[in-house]
C-alpha atoms as a PDB file:
ATOM      1  CA  UNK A   1     -32.855  22.510  47.192  1.00  0.00           C
ATOM      2  CA  UNK A   2     -30.548  20.827  49.694  1.00  0.00           C
ATOM      3  CA  UNK A   3     -27.560  18.820  48.441  1.00  0.00           C
ATOM      4  CA  UNK A   4     -26.604  17.687  51.928  1.00  0.00           C
ATOM      5  CA  UNK A   5     -27.482  13.985  52.353  1.00  0.00           C
ATOM      6  CA  UNK A   6     -27.700  14.442  56.112  1.00  0.00           C
ATOM      7  CA  UNK A   7     -30.342  17.147  55.546  1.00  0.00           C
ATOM      8  CA  UNK A   8     -32.413  14.989  53.280  1.00  0.00           C
ATOM      9  CA  UNK A   9     -30.733  16.001  50.008  1.00  0.00           C
ATOM     10  CA  UNK A  10     -29.700  13.613  47.203  1.00  0.00           C
ATOM     11  CA  UNK A  11     -27.482  10.750  48.339  1.00  0.00           C
ATOM     12  CA  UNK A  12     -23.787  10.850  47.434  1.00  0.00           C
ATOM     13  CA  UNK A  13     -22.356   8.546  44.761  1.00  0.00           C
ATOM     14  CA  UNK A  14     -18.907   7.127  44.106  1.00  0.00           C
ATOM     15  CA  UNK A  15     -18.635   9.575  41.199  1.00  0.00           C
ATOM     16  CA  UNK A  16     -19.282  12.450  43.632  1.00  0.00           C
ATOM     17  CA  UNK A  17     -16.245  11.174  45.562  1.00  0.00           C
ATOM     18  CA  UNK A  18     -14.125  11.307  42.413  1.00  0.00           C
ATOM     19  CA  UNK A  19     -14.262   7.709  41.181  1.00  0.00           C
ATOM     20  CA  UNK A  20     -15.908   7.062  37.819  1.00  0.00           C
ATOM     21  CA  UNK A  21     -16.750   3.373  37.513  1.00  0.00           C
ATOM     22  CA  UNK A  22     -18.115   3.911  34.011  1.00  0.00           C
ATOM     23  CA  UNK A  23     -14.761   5.296  32.868  1.00  0.00           C
ATOM     24  CA  UNK A  24     -13.024   2.218  34.273  1.00  0.00           C
ATOM     25  CA  UNK A  25     -15.389  -0.053  32.381  1.00  0.00           C
ATOM     26  CA  UNK A  26     -14.810   1.963  29.202  1.00  0.00           C
ATOM     27  CA  UNK A  27     -11.053   1.396  29.525  1.00  0.00           C
ATOM     28  CA  UNK A  28     -11.564  -2.353  29.928  1.00  0.00           C
ATOM     29  CA  UNK A  29     -13.738  -2.535  26.808  1.00  0.00           C
ATOM     30  CA  UNK A  30     -11.223  -0.580  24.730  1.00  0.00           C
ATOM     31  CA  UNK A  31      -8.217  -2.653  25.773  1.00  0.00           C
ATOM     32  CA  UNK A  32      -9.844  -6.086  25.381  1.00  0.00           C
ATOM     33  CA  UNK A  33      -8.845  -6.539  21.703  1.00  0.00           C
ATOM     34  CA  UNK A  34      -5.325  -5.263  22.458  1.00  0.00           C
ATOM     35  CA  UNK A  35      -4.940  -7.733  25.313  1.00  0.00           C
ATOM     36  CA  UNK A  36      -6.362 -10.610  23.261  1.00  0.00           C
ATOM     37  CA  UNK A  37      -3.503 -10.250  20.773  1.00  0.00           C
ATOM     38  CA  UNK A  38      -1.020 -11.120  23.524  1.00  0.00           C
ATOM     39  CA  UNK A  39      -2.625 -14.440  24.453  1.00  0.00           C
ATOM     40  CA  UNK A  40      -0.534 -17.550  23.974  1.00  0.00           C
ATOM     41  CA  UNK A  41      -0.970 -21.259  24.716  1.00  0.00           C
ATOM     42  CA  UNK A  42      -1.449 -21.670  28.439  1.00  0.00           C
ATOM     43  CA  UNK A  43      -3.785 -18.729  29.004  1.00  0.00           C
ATOM     44  CA  UNK A  44      -6.994 -20.163  30.469  1.00  0.00           C
ATOM     45  CA  UNK A  45      -9.282 -17.127  30.797  1.00  0.00           C
ATOM     46  CA  UNK A  46      -9.804 -13.604  29.513  1.00  0.00           C
ATOM     47  CA  UNK A  47     -10.021 -10.360  31.457  1.00  0.00           C
ATOM     48  CA  UNK A  48     -12.431  -9.953  34.330  1.00  0.00           C
ATOM     49  CA  UNK A  49     -11.727 -12.802  36.739  1.00  0.00           C
ATOM     50  CA  UNK A  50     -10.468 -12.387  40.276  1.00  0.00           C
ATOM     51  CA  UNK A  51      -7.291 -14.247  39.346  1.00  0.00           C
ATOM     52  CA  UNK A  52      -5.555 -14.975  36.046  1.00  0.00           C
ATOM     53  CA  UNK A  53      -5.091 -18.612  35.086  1.00  0.00           C
ATOM     54  CA  UNK A  54      -2.126 -20.039  33.185  1.00  0.00           C
ATOM     55  CA  UNK A  55      -1.340 -23.712  32.557  1.00  0.00           C
ATOM     56  CA  UNK A  56       2.182 -24.928  31.762  1.00  0.00           C
ATOM     57  CA  UNK A  57       0.594 -27.670  29.608  1.00  0.00           C
ATOM     58  CA  UNK A  58       3.540 -30.055  29.890  1.00  0.00           C
ATOM     59  CA  UNK A  59       5.888 -27.666  28.087  1.00  0.00           C
ATOM     60  CA  UNK A  60       8.577 -28.275  30.711  1.00  0.00           C
ATOM     61  CA  UNK A  61      10.017 -31.425  32.255  1.00  0.00           C
ATOM     62  CA  UNK A  62      11.369 -29.792  35.427  1.00  0.00           C
ATOM     63  CA  UNK A  63      10.332 -26.140  35.372  1.00  0.00           C
ATOM     64  CA  UNK A  64      11.604 -23.399  37.640  1.00  0.00           C
ATOM     65  CA  UNK A  65       9.389 -20.310  37.825  1.00  0.00           C
ATOM     66  CA  UNK A  66      11.198 -16.963  37.712  1.00  0.00           C
ATOM     67  CA  UNK A  67       9.340 -13.778  38.662  1.00  0.00           C
ATOM     68  CA  UNK A  68      10.111 -10.073  38.521  1.00  0.00           C
ATOM     69  CA  UNK A  69       8.428  -6.752  39.221  1.00  0.00           C
ATOM     70  CA  UNK A  70       9.405  -3.200  38.317  1.00  0.00           C
ATOM     71  CA  UNK A  71       8.280   0.256  37.218  1.00  0.00           C
ATOM     72  CA  UNK A  72       9.706   2.857  34.865  1.00  0.00           C
ATOM     73  CA  UNK A  73      10.900   5.418  37.394  1.00  0.00           C
ATOM     74  CA  UNK A  74      10.679   9.116  36.660  1.00  0.00           C
ATOM     75  CA  UNK A  75      10.621   8.544  32.910  1.00  0.00           C
ATOM     76  CA  UNK A  76       6.909   8.737  33.666  1.00  0.00           C
ATOM     77  CA  UNK A  77       7.325  12.425  34.506  1.00  0.00           C
ATOM     78  CA  UNK A  78       8.847  13.093  31.087  1.00  0.00           C
ATOM     79  CA  UNK A  79       6.126  11.075  29.340  1.00  0.00           C
ATOM     80  CA  UNK A  80       3.472  13.130  31.095  1.00  0.00           C
ATOM     81  CA  UNK A  81       5.285  16.398  30.380  1.00  0.00           C
ATOM     82  CA  UNK A  82       5.431  15.540  26.679  1.00  0.00           C
ATOM     83  CA  UNK A  83       1.952  13.992  26.614  1.00  0.00           C
ATOM     84  CA  UNK A  84       3.444  10.792  25.161  1.00  0.00           C
ATOM     85  CA  UNK A  85       1.673   7.815  26.653  1.00  0.00           C
ATOM     86  CA  UNK A  86       1.771   5.170  23.917  1.00  0.00           C
ATOM     87  CA  UNK A  87       5.261   3.722  24.532  1.00  0.00           C
ATOM     88  CA  UNK A  88       5.763   4.009  28.287  1.00  0.00           C
ATOM     89  CA  UNK A  89       3.950   0.683  28.616  1.00  0.00           C
ATOM     90  CA  UNK A  90       6.586  -0.941  26.414  1.00  0.00           C
ATOM     91  CA  UNK A  91       9.177   0.357  28.880  1.00  0.00           C
ATOM     92  CA  UNK A  92       7.267  -1.234  31.742  1.00  0.00           C
ATOM     93  CA  UNK A  93       7.141  -4.652  30.114  1.00  0.00           C
ATOM     94  CA  UNK A  94      10.787  -4.447  29.071  1.00  0.00           C
ATOM     95  CA  UNK A  95      11.986  -3.682  32.584  1.00  0.00           C
ATOM     96  CA  UNK A  96      10.309  -6.829  33.893  1.00  0.00           C
ATOM     97  CA  UNK A  97      10.807  -9.354  31.091  1.00  0.00           C
ATOM     98  CA  UNK A  98      14.464  -8.437  30.524  1.00  0.00           C
ATOM     99  CA  UNK A  99      15.121  -9.107  34.218  1.00  0.00           C
ATOM    100  CA  UNK A 100      13.426 -12.507  34.152  1.00  0.00           C
ATOM    101  CA  UNK A 101      15.352 -13.327  30.982  1.00  0.00           C
ATOM    102  CA  UNK A 102      18.713 -12.985  32.753  1.00  0.00           C
ATOM    103  CA  UNK A 103      18.288 -16.437  34.274  1.00  0.00           C
ATOM    104  CA  UNK A 104      17.348 -17.954  30.946  1.00  0.00           C
ATOM    105  CA  UNK A 105      13.607 -17.872  31.622  1.00  0.00           C
ATOM    106  CA  UNK A 106      10.928 -17.439  28.964  1.00  0.00           C
ATOM    107  CA  UNK A 107       8.396 -14.815  30.127  1.00  0.00           C
ATOM    108  CA  UNK A 108       4.969 -16.453  30.244  1.00  0.00           C
ATOM    109  CA  UNK A 109       2.548 -13.854  31.533  1.00  0.00           C
ATOM    110  CA  UNK A 110       2.396 -10.272  32.745  1.00  0.00           C
ATOM    111  CA  UNK A 111       0.150  -8.159  34.971  1.00  0.00           C
ATOM    112  CA  UNK A 112       0.099  -4.379  35.255  1.00  0.00           C
ATOM    113  CA  UNK A 113      -0.973  -1.809  37.830  1.00  0.00           C
ATOM    114  CA  UNK A 114      -2.093   1.628  36.621  1.00  0.00           C
ATOM    115  CA  UNK A 115      -3.045   4.206  39.256  1.00  0.00           C
ATOM    116  CA  UNK A 116      -4.246   7.772  38.810  1.00  0.00           C
ATOM    117  CA  UNK A 117      -6.201  10.453  40.607  1.00  0.00           C
ATOM    118  CA  UNK A 118      -8.821  10.891  37.876  1.00  0.00           C
ATOM    119  CA  UNK A 119      -9.106   8.334  35.109  1.00  0.00           C
ATOM    120  CA  UNK A 120      -8.730   9.638  31.563  1.00  0.00           C
ATOM    121  CA  UNK A 121      -9.943   6.912  29.215  1.00  0.00           C
ATOM    122  CA  UNK A 122      -7.747   7.944  26.268  1.00  0.00           C
ATOM    123  CA  UNK A 123      -4.586   8.158  28.369  1.00  0.00           C
ATOM    124  CA  UNK A 124      -5.201   4.874  30.153  1.00  0.00           C
ATOM    125  CA  UNK A 125      -5.961   3.130  26.864  1.00  0.00           C
ATOM    126  CA  UNK A 126      -2.754   4.467  25.305  1.00  0.00           C
ATOM    127  CA  UNK A 127      -0.657   3.336  28.272  1.00  0.00           C
ATOM    128  CA  UNK A 128      -2.181  -0.125  28.492  1.00  0.00           C
ATOM    129  CA  UNK A 129      -2.023  -0.417  24.709  1.00  0.00           C
ATOM    130  CA  UNK A 130       1.741   0.079  25.025  1.00  0.00           C
ATOM    131  CA  UNK A 131       1.861  -2.627  27.671  1.00  0.00           C
ATOM    132  CA  UNK A 132       0.038  -4.978  25.309  1.00  0.00           C
ATOM    133  CA  UNK A 133       2.470  -4.128  22.506  1.00  0.00           C
ATOM    134  CA  UNK A 134       5.424  -4.833  24.806  1.00  0.00           C
ATOM    135  CA  UNK A 135       3.937  -8.190  25.705  1.00  0.00           C
ATOM    136  CA  UNK A 136       3.521  -9.022  22.018  1.00  0.00           C
ATOM    137  CA  UNK A 137       7.193  -8.228  21.372  1.00  0.00           C
ATOM    138  CA  UNK A 138       8.220 -10.413  24.310  1.00  0.00           C
ATOM    139  CA  UNK A 139       5.839 -13.256  23.449  1.00  0.00           C
ATOM    140  CA  UNK A 140       4.313 -12.830  26.889  1.00  0.00           C
ATOM    141  CA  UNK A 141       0.572 -12.890  27.665  1.00  0.00           C
ATOM    142  CA  UNK A 142      -1.049  -9.891  29.337  1.00  0.00           C
ATOM    143  CA  UNK A 143      -3.409 -11.852  31.574  1.00  0.00           C
ATOM    144  CA  UNK A 144      -4.709  -9.147  33.882  1.00  0.00           C
ATOM    145  CA  UNK A 145      -4.008  -6.044  35.909  1.00  0.00           C
ATOM    146  CA  UNK A 146      -5.519  -3.273  37.977  1.00  0.00           C
ATOM    147  CA  UNK A 147      -6.698   0.184  36.967  1.00  0.00           C
ATOM    148  CA  UNK A 148      -7.059   2.208  40.156  1.00  0.00           C
ATOM    149  CA  UNK A 149      -8.692   5.636  40.354  1.00  0.00           C
ATOM    150  CA  UNK A 150      -7.730   7.297  43.643  1.00  0.00           C
ATOM    151  CA  UNK A 151      -8.844  10.917  44.071  1.00  0.00           C
ATOM    152  CA  UNK A 152      -6.413  13.190  45.917  1.00  0.00           C
ATOM    153  CA  UNK A 153      -3.542  10.688  45.648  1.00  0.00           C
ATOM    154  CA  UNK A 154      -2.077  12.076  42.398  1.00  0.00           C
ATOM    155  CA  UNK A 155      -2.002  15.581  40.879  1.00  0.00           C
ATOM    156  CA  UNK A 156      -4.188  16.128  37.788  1.00  0.00           C
ATOM    157  CA  UNK A 157      -2.793  14.435  34.697  1.00  0.00           C
ATOM    158  CA  UNK A 158      -0.377  12.194  36.598  1.00  0.00           C
ATOM    159  CA  UNK A 159      -0.404   8.418  36.969  1.00  0.00           C
ATOM    160  CA  UNK A 160       1.838   5.644  38.208  1.00  0.00           C
ATOM    161  CA  UNK A 161       2.748   2.289  36.707  1.00  0.00           C
ATOM    162  CA  UNK A 162       4.068  -1.031  37.956  1.00  0.00           C
ATOM    163  CA  UNK A 163       4.307  -4.458  36.376  1.00  0.00           C
ATOM    164  CA  UNK A 164       4.799  -8.082  37.361  1.00  0.00           C
ATOM    165  CA  UNK A 165       6.035 -10.939  35.185  1.00  0.00           C
ATOM    166  CA  UNK A 166       6.371 -14.703  35.609  1.00  0.00           C
ATOM    167  CA  UNK A 167       8.621 -16.834  33.431  1.00  0.00           C
ATOM    168  CA  UNK A 168       9.825 -20.426  33.370  1.00  0.00           C
ATOM    169  CA  UNK A 169      13.035 -22.257  32.571  1.00  0.00           C
ATOM    170  CA  UNK A 170      14.117 -25.874  32.747  1.00  0.00           C
ATOM    171  CA  UNK A 171      16.117 -26.407  35.924  1.00  0.00           C
ATOM    172  CA  UNK A 172      19.033 -27.813  33.918  1.00  0.00           C
ATOM    173  CA  UNK A 173      19.115 -24.685  31.720  1.00  0.00           C
ATOM    174  CA  UNK A 174      18.904 -22.157  34.555  1.00  0.00           C
ATOM    175  CA  UNK A 175      21.619 -19.520  34.224  1.00  0.00           C
ATOM    176  CA  UNK A 176      23.331 -18.704  37.508  1.00  0.00           C
ATOM    177  CA  UNK A 177      26.749 -17.481  38.598  1.00  0.00           C
ATOM    178  CA  UNK A 178      28.159 -21.019  38.833  1.00  0.00           C
ATOM    179  CA  UNK A 179      28.560 -21.065  35.039  1.00  0.00           C
ATOM    180  CA  UNK A 180      30.741 -17.934  34.895  1.00  0.00           C
ATOM    181  CA  UNK A 181      34.516 -18.529  34.844  1.00  0.00           C
ATOM    182  CA  UNK A 182      37.734 -16.551  34.579  1.00  0.00           C
ATOM    183  CA  UNK A 183      38.591 -15.895  30.941  1.00  0.00           C
ATOM    184  CA  UNK A 184      34.984 -15.523  29.840  1.00  0.00           C
ATOM    185  CA  UNK A 185      34.312 -12.640  27.461  1.00  0.00           C
ATOM    186  CA  UNK A 186      31.683  -9.973  28.121  1.00  0.00           C
ATOM    187  CA  UNK A 187      29.648  -8.944  25.072  1.00  0.00           C
ATOM    188  CA  UNK A 188      27.762  -5.670  25.203  1.00  0.00           C
ATOM    189  CA  UNK A 189      24.453  -5.584  23.335  1.00  0.00           C
ATOM    190  CA  UNK A 190      23.272  -2.185  22.133  1.00  0.00           C
ATOM    191  CA  UNK A 191      20.515  -0.319  23.939  1.00  0.00           C
ATOM    192  CA  UNK A 192      17.829   1.758  22.250  1.00  0.00           C
ATOM    193  CA  UNK A 193      18.660   4.759  24.455  1.00  0.00           C
ATOM    194  CA  UNK A 194      18.623   5.451  28.205  1.00  0.00           C
ATOM    195  CA  UNK A 195      15.847   2.858  28.515  1.00  0.00           C
ATOM    196  CA  UNK A 196      14.129   3.527  31.875  1.00  0.00           C
ATOM    197  CA  UNK A 197      16.964   4.384  34.228  1.00  0.00           C
ATOM    198  CA  UNK A 198      18.652   7.564  35.356  1.00  0.00           C
ATOM    199  CA  UNK A 199      15.729   9.838  34.483  1.00  0.00           C
ATOM    200  CA  UNK A 200      15.945  11.850  37.683  1.00  0.00           C
ATOM    201  CA  UNK A 201      19.399  12.904  36.490  1.00  0.00           C
ATOM    202  CA  UNK A 202      18.125  13.292  32.911  1.00  0.00           C
ATOM    203  CA  UNK A 203      15.387  15.651  34.050  1.00  0.00           C
ATOM    204  CA  UNK A 204      17.865  17.569  36.217  1.00  0.00           C
ATOM    205  CA  UNK A 205      20.173  18.003  33.221  1.00  0.00           C
ATOM    206  CA  UNK A 206      17.246  19.214  31.116  1.00  0.00           C
ATOM    207  CA  UNK A 207      16.373  21.766  33.772  1.00  0.00           C
ATOM    208  CA  UNK A 208      19.836  23.188  34.410  1.00  0.00           C
ATOM    209  CA  UNK A 209      20.792  23.226  30.717  1.00  0.00           C
ATOM    210  CA  UNK A 210      17.525  24.786  29.544  1.00  0.00           C
ATOM    211  CA  UNK A 211      17.642  22.409  26.584  1.00  0.00           C
ATOM    212  CA  UNK A 212      15.109  22.606  23.784  1.00  0.00           C
ATOM    213  CA  UNK A 213      13.599  19.121  23.500  1.00  0.00           C
ATOM    214  CA  UNK A 214      13.130  19.642  19.767  1.00  0.00           C
ATOM    215  CA  UNK A 215      16.874  20.109  19.181  1.00  0.00           C
ATOM    216  CA  UNK A 216      18.513  17.360  17.083  1.00  0.00           C
ATOM    217  CA  UNK A 217      20.683  14.797  18.867  1.00  0.00           C
ATOM    218  CA  UNK A 218      22.034  11.961  16.785  1.00  0.00           C
ATOM    219  CA  UNK A 219      19.686  12.801  13.930  1.00  0.00           C
ATOM    220  CA  UNK A 220      16.468  12.819  15.963  1.00  0.00           C
ATOM    221  CA  UNK A 221      14.822  15.352  18.281  1.00  0.00           C
ATOM    222  CA  UNK A 222      16.138  15.147  21.840  1.00  0.00           C
ATOM    223  CA  UNK A 223      12.644  14.265  23.065  1.00  0.00           C
ATOM    224  CA  UNK A 224      12.545  11.239  20.748  1.00  0.00           C
ATOM    225  CA  UNK A 225      15.988  10.089  21.847  1.00  0.00           C
ATOM    226  CA  UNK A 226      15.009  10.287  25.512  1.00  0.00           C
ATOM    227  CA  UNK A 227      11.602   8.686  25.048  1.00  0.00           C
ATOM    228  CA  UNK A 228      12.749   5.797  22.829  1.00  0.00           C
ATOM    229  CA  UNK A 229      11.149   2.696  24.366  1.00  0.00           C
ATOM    230  CA  UNK A 230      13.348   0.221  26.190  1.00  0.00           C
ATOM    231  CA  UNK A 231      14.587  -2.598  23.971  1.00  0.00           C
ATOM    232  CA  UNK A 232      13.019  -5.991  24.664  1.00  0.00           C
ATOM    233  CA  UNK A 233      15.695  -8.669  24.285  1.00  0.00           C
ATOM    234  CA  UNK A 234      13.600 -11.757  24.993  1.00  0.00           C
ATOM    235  CA  UNK A 235      13.279 -13.548  21.668  1.00  0.00           C
ATOM    236  CA  UNK A 236      16.863 -12.984  20.411  1.00  0.00           C
ATOM    237  CA  UNK A 237      18.342 -14.040  23.775  1.00  0.00           C
ATOM    238  CA  UNK A 238      16.194 -17.147  24.104  1.00  0.00           C
ATOM    239  CA  UNK A 239      17.322 -18.106  20.614  1.00  0.00           C
ATOM    240  CA  UNK A 240      20.929 -17.417  21.597  1.00  0.00           C
ATOM    241  CA  UNK A 241      20.934 -19.620  24.703  1.00  0.00           C
ATOM    242  CA  UNK A 242      19.319 -22.400  22.667  1.00  0.00           C
ATOM    243  CA  UNK A 243      22.209 -22.446  20.178  1.00  0.00           C
ATOM    244  CA  UNK A 244      25.276 -21.026  21.926  1.00  0.00           C
ATOM    245  CA  UNK A 245      26.853 -21.951  25.253  1.00  0.00           C
ATOM    246  CA  UNK A 246      26.152 -18.888  27.412  1.00  0.00           C
ATOM    247  CA  UNK A 247      27.765 -18.498  30.838  1.00  0.00           C
ATOM    248  CA  UNK A 248      25.610 -15.617  32.038  1.00  0.00           C
ATOM    249  CA  UNK A 249      23.637 -12.512  31.119  1.00  0.00           C
ATOM    250  CA  UNK A 250      22.903  -9.174  32.769  1.00  0.00           C
ATOM    251  CA  UNK A 251      20.247  -6.533  32.200  1.00  0.00           C
ATOM    252  CA  UNK A 252      21.852  -3.093  32.494  1.00  0.00           C
ATOM    253  CA  UNK A 253      19.362  -1.077  34.534  1.00  0.00           C
ATOM    254  CA  UNK A 254      19.692   1.135  37.630  1.00  0.00           C
ATOM    255  CA  UNK A 255      23.324   1.109  38.707  1.00  0.00           C
ATOM    256  CA  UNK A 256      24.506   1.020  35.115  1.00  0.00           C
ATOM    257  CA  UNK A 257      27.459  -1.006  33.932  1.00  0.00           C
ATOM    258  CA  UNK A 258      29.183  -0.848  37.303  1.00  0.00           C
ATOM    259  CA  UNK A 259      26.541  -2.496  39.463  1.00  0.00           C
ATOM    260  CA  UNK A 260      24.693  -4.929  37.201  1.00  0.00           C
ATOM    261  CA  UNK A 261      27.190  -7.242  35.489  1.00  0.00           C
ATOM    262  CA  UNK A 262      28.847  -8.096  38.801  1.00  0.00           C
ATOM    263  CA  UNK A 263      25.499  -9.385  40.111  1.00  0.00           C
ATOM    264  CA  UNK A 264      25.873 -12.552  37.995  1.00  0.00           C
ATOM    265  CA  UNK A 265      29.584 -13.122  38.751  1.00  0.00           C
ATOM    266  CA  UNK A 266      30.919 -15.331  41.614  1.00  0.00           C
ATOM    267  CA  UNK A 267      32.644 -13.508  44.486  1.00  0.00           C
ATOM    268  CA  UNK A 268      36.013 -15.014  43.547  1.00  0.00           C
ATOM    269  CA  UNK A 269      35.928 -13.230  40.173  1.00  0.00           C
ATOM    270  CA  UNK A 270      35.779  -9.648  38.939  1.00  0.00           C
ATOM    271  CA  UNK A 271      34.576  -7.695  35.929  1.00  0.00           C
ATOM    272  CA  UNK A 272      37.186  -5.903  33.822  1.00  0.00           C
ATOM    273  CA  UNK A 273      35.680  -3.516  31.249  1.00  0.00           C
ATOM    274  CA  UNK A 274      37.555  -1.689  28.504  1.00  0.00           C
ATOM    275  CA  UNK A 275      36.808   2.037  28.594  1.00  0.00           C
ATOM    276  CA  UNK A 276      37.700   2.320  24.905  1.00  0.00           C
ATOM    277  CA  UNK A 277      34.880  -0.134  24.095  1.00  0.00           C
ATOM    278  CA  UNK A 278      32.313   2.045  25.853  1.00  0.00           C
ATOM    279  CA  UNK A 279      32.055   4.868  23.314  1.00  0.00           C
ATOM    280  CA  UNK A 280      28.926   6.872  24.103  1.00  0.00           C
ATOM    281  CA  UNK A 281      26.073   7.054  21.567  1.00  0.00           C
ATOM    282  CA  UNK A 282      24.923  10.639  20.799  1.00  0.00           C
ATOM    283  CA  UNK A 283      22.183  10.929  23.444  1.00  0.00           C
ATOM    284  CA  UNK A 284      24.540   9.805  26.195  1.00  0.00           C
ATOM    285  CA  UNK A 285      27.289  12.118  24.969  1.00  0.00           C
ATOM    286  CA  UNK A 286      24.780  14.965  25.070  1.00  0.00           C
ATOM    287  CA  UNK A 287      23.785  14.088  28.651  1.00  0.00           C
ATOM    288  CA  UNK A 288      27.431  13.908  29.687  1.00  0.00           C
ATOM    289  CA  UNK A 289      28.305  17.251  28.094  1.00  0.00           C
ATOM    290  CA  UNK A 290      25.136  19.139  29.060  1.00  0.00           C
ATOM    291  CA  UNK A 291      25.362  18.000  32.670  1.00  0.00           C
ATOM    292  CA  UNK A 292      29.156  17.964  32.939  1.00  0.00           C
ATOM    293  CA  UNK A 293      28.772  14.390  34.216  1.00  0.00           C
ATOM    294  CA  UNK A 294      31.972  12.515  35.106  1.00  0.00           C
ATOM    295  CA  UNK A 295      32.731   9.186  33.402  1.00  0.00           C
ATOM    296  CA  UNK A 296      32.391   7.268  36.665  1.00  0.00           C
ATOM    297  CA  UNK A 297      28.961   8.793  37.275  1.00  0.00           C
ATOM    298  CA  UNK A 298      27.853   7.955  33.732  1.00  0.00           C
ATOM    299  CA  UNK A 299      28.926   4.327  34.120  1.00  0.00           C
ATOM    300  CA  UNK A 300      27.039   3.821  37.383  1.00  0.00           C
ATOM    301  CA  UNK A 301      23.881   5.709  36.373  1.00  0.00           C
ATOM    302  CA  UNK A 302      23.182   4.996  32.690  1.00  0.00           C
ATOM    303  CA  UNK A 303      23.528   1.984  30.418  1.00  0.00           C
ATOM    304  CA  UNK A 304      25.787   4.148  28.203  1.00  0.00           C
ATOM    305  CA  UNK A 305      24.595   2.399  25.057  1.00  0.00           C
ATOM    306  CA  UNK A 306      24.831  -1.159  26.429  1.00  0.00           C
ATOM    307  CA  UNK A 307      21.378  -2.412  27.385  1.00  0.00           C
ATOM    308  CA  UNK A 308      22.251  -6.056  27.934  1.00  0.00           C
ATOM    309  CA  UNK A 309      25.389  -8.126  28.380  1.00  0.00           C
ATOM    310  CA  UNK A 310      26.128 -11.723  27.498  1.00  0.00           C
ATOM    311  CA  UNK A 311      29.029 -13.636  29.046  1.00  0.00           C
ATOM    312  CA  UNK A 312      30.479 -16.441  26.911  1.00  0.00           C
ATOM    313  CA  UNK A 313      33.604 -18.549  26.528  1.00  0.00           C
ATOM    314  CA  UNK A 314      36.140 -17.070  24.072  1.00  0.00           C
ATOM    315  CA  UNK A 315      35.396 -19.907  21.660  1.00  0.00           C
ATOM    316  CA  UNK A 316      31.733 -18.832  21.515  1.00  0.00           C
ATOM    317  CA  UNK A 317      32.261 -15.119  20.780  1.00  0.00           C
ATOM    318  CA  UNK A 318      32.029 -15.373  16.984  1.00  0.00           C
ATOM    319  CA  UNK A 319      28.909 -17.564  17.056  1.00  0.00           C
ATOM    320  CA  UNK A 320      27.210 -15.351  19.639  1.00  0.00           C
ATOM    321  CA  UNK A 321      27.871 -12.040  17.873  1.00  0.00           C
ATOM    322  CA  UNK A 322      26.829 -13.540  14.526  1.00  0.00           C
ATOM    323  CA  UNK A 323      23.568 -14.894  15.908  1.00  0.00           C
ATOM    324  CA  UNK A 324      22.745 -11.617  17.642  1.00  0.00           C
ATOM    325  CA  UNK A 325      23.510  -9.690  14.467  1.00  0.00           C
ATOM    326  CA  UNK A 326      21.119 -11.930  12.541  1.00  0.00           C
ATOM    327  CA  UNK A 327      18.448 -10.924  15.078  1.00  0.00           C
ATOM    328  CA  UNK A 328      19.203  -7.248  14.478  1.00  0.00           C
ATOM    329  CA  UNK A 329      21.204  -6.683  17.667  1.00  0.00           C
ATOM    330  CA  UNK A 330      24.628  -5.072  17.540  1.00  0.00           C
ATOM    331  CA  UNK A 331      27.037  -6.691  20.006  1.00  0.00           C
ATOM    332  CA  UNK A 332      30.741  -6.172  20.694  1.00  0.00           C
ATOM    333  CA  UNK A 333      33.369  -7.260  23.199  1.00  0.00           C
ATOM    334  CA  UNK A 334      33.519  -4.812  26.103  1.00  0.00           C
ATOM    335  CA  UNK A 335      35.542  -6.739  28.667  1.00  0.00           C
ATOM    336  CA  UNK A 336      36.298 -10.009  30.385  1.00  0.00           C
ATOM    337  CA  UNK A 337      35.918 -11.955  33.613  1.00  0.00           C
ATOM    338  CA  UNK A 338      39.110 -12.133  35.685  1.00  0.00           C
ATOM    339  CA  UNK A 339      40.176 -13.480  39.089  1.00  0.00           C
ATOM    340  CA  UNK A 340      39.401 -10.985  41.851  1.00  0.00           C
ATOM    341  CA  UNK A 341      42.627  -9.374  43.056  1.00  0.00           C
ATOM    342  CA  UNK A 342      41.415  -6.166  44.708  1.00  0.00           C
ATOM    343  CA  UNK A 343      38.635  -5.011  47.006  1.00  0.00           C
ATOM    344  CA  UNK A 344      36.827  -3.518  44.030  1.00  0.00           C
ATOM    345  CA  UNK A 345      35.385  -6.227  41.822  1.00  0.00           C
ATOM    346  CA  UNK A 346      34.602  -3.954  38.871  1.00  0.00           C
ATOM    347  CA  UNK A 347      37.373  -2.249  36.938  1.00  0.00           C
ATOM    348  CA  UNK A 348      36.965   0.067  33.952  1.00  0.00           C
ATOM    349  CA  UNK A 349      40.212   1.088  32.311  1.00  0.00           C
END
């Protein structure tokens, strides 16, 4: 019996081409209750529309919308290697909402993009379930997204992720570099691990060292330390800026401590960090030792245990650290803002 459509055989289907619409619909049905838990006032429709609707509902007098988009880099490769798909979505949300937060914005809603060569319902549900959990932690609604099955684009078992977030802040409360002044203190807020940056180097270190991912590092298996989901700082930081005078904030992502804090500092000023205040947590010390990574390379690649920074006046340091501690976040002084005197505007010494 002929299977050639041109010869009169059975006609081809989308499934024959590698796309399973039924699997896509199964994912949507399984994630609906997870997504519903993220809804907040302002969400105007559930999943399934061509566009997601969100109403500000008079919450703001003079709102400025702040948007951000990101992925999780090659941490995805490690997640797929370890078959751990339930927290990588938290990483995705964190990378976006923590960026939007820098300018004092409250994340309002989030959309995701999940792409794979062949859709596995369990894997996709686990990933998107993590995204929903991240949105819950951030107080941000997961209002939509795209699950794309693209045969031949990705090797078996692999997928890609991207996310997009929109937040809002009152214009008068917008945090920008104009608030930062010489003499301000830089507080470093603890990270939960490498977060979602530097994983190409992480994976290279794993390869050249031949490390056993089950080996203990800091009291947990190395795999757990490396896969710890990125901390989401939204609620504690929004509480902080509501009660303490904050000059600026920075999310420590790609570029590490060297390239991120300076992004919120005026050109006439510089960042002076104290090396003695940057003691490496166990997982970072392991990466440094196993890869023979120089200090300078560590500081410009990893967060080195500081996932977020808050810049405040000296008079606000005690109130800020106390409030962060009450929210479960460890914070310490790691440097200060100084007048720029040299070509390099970031000094660690």
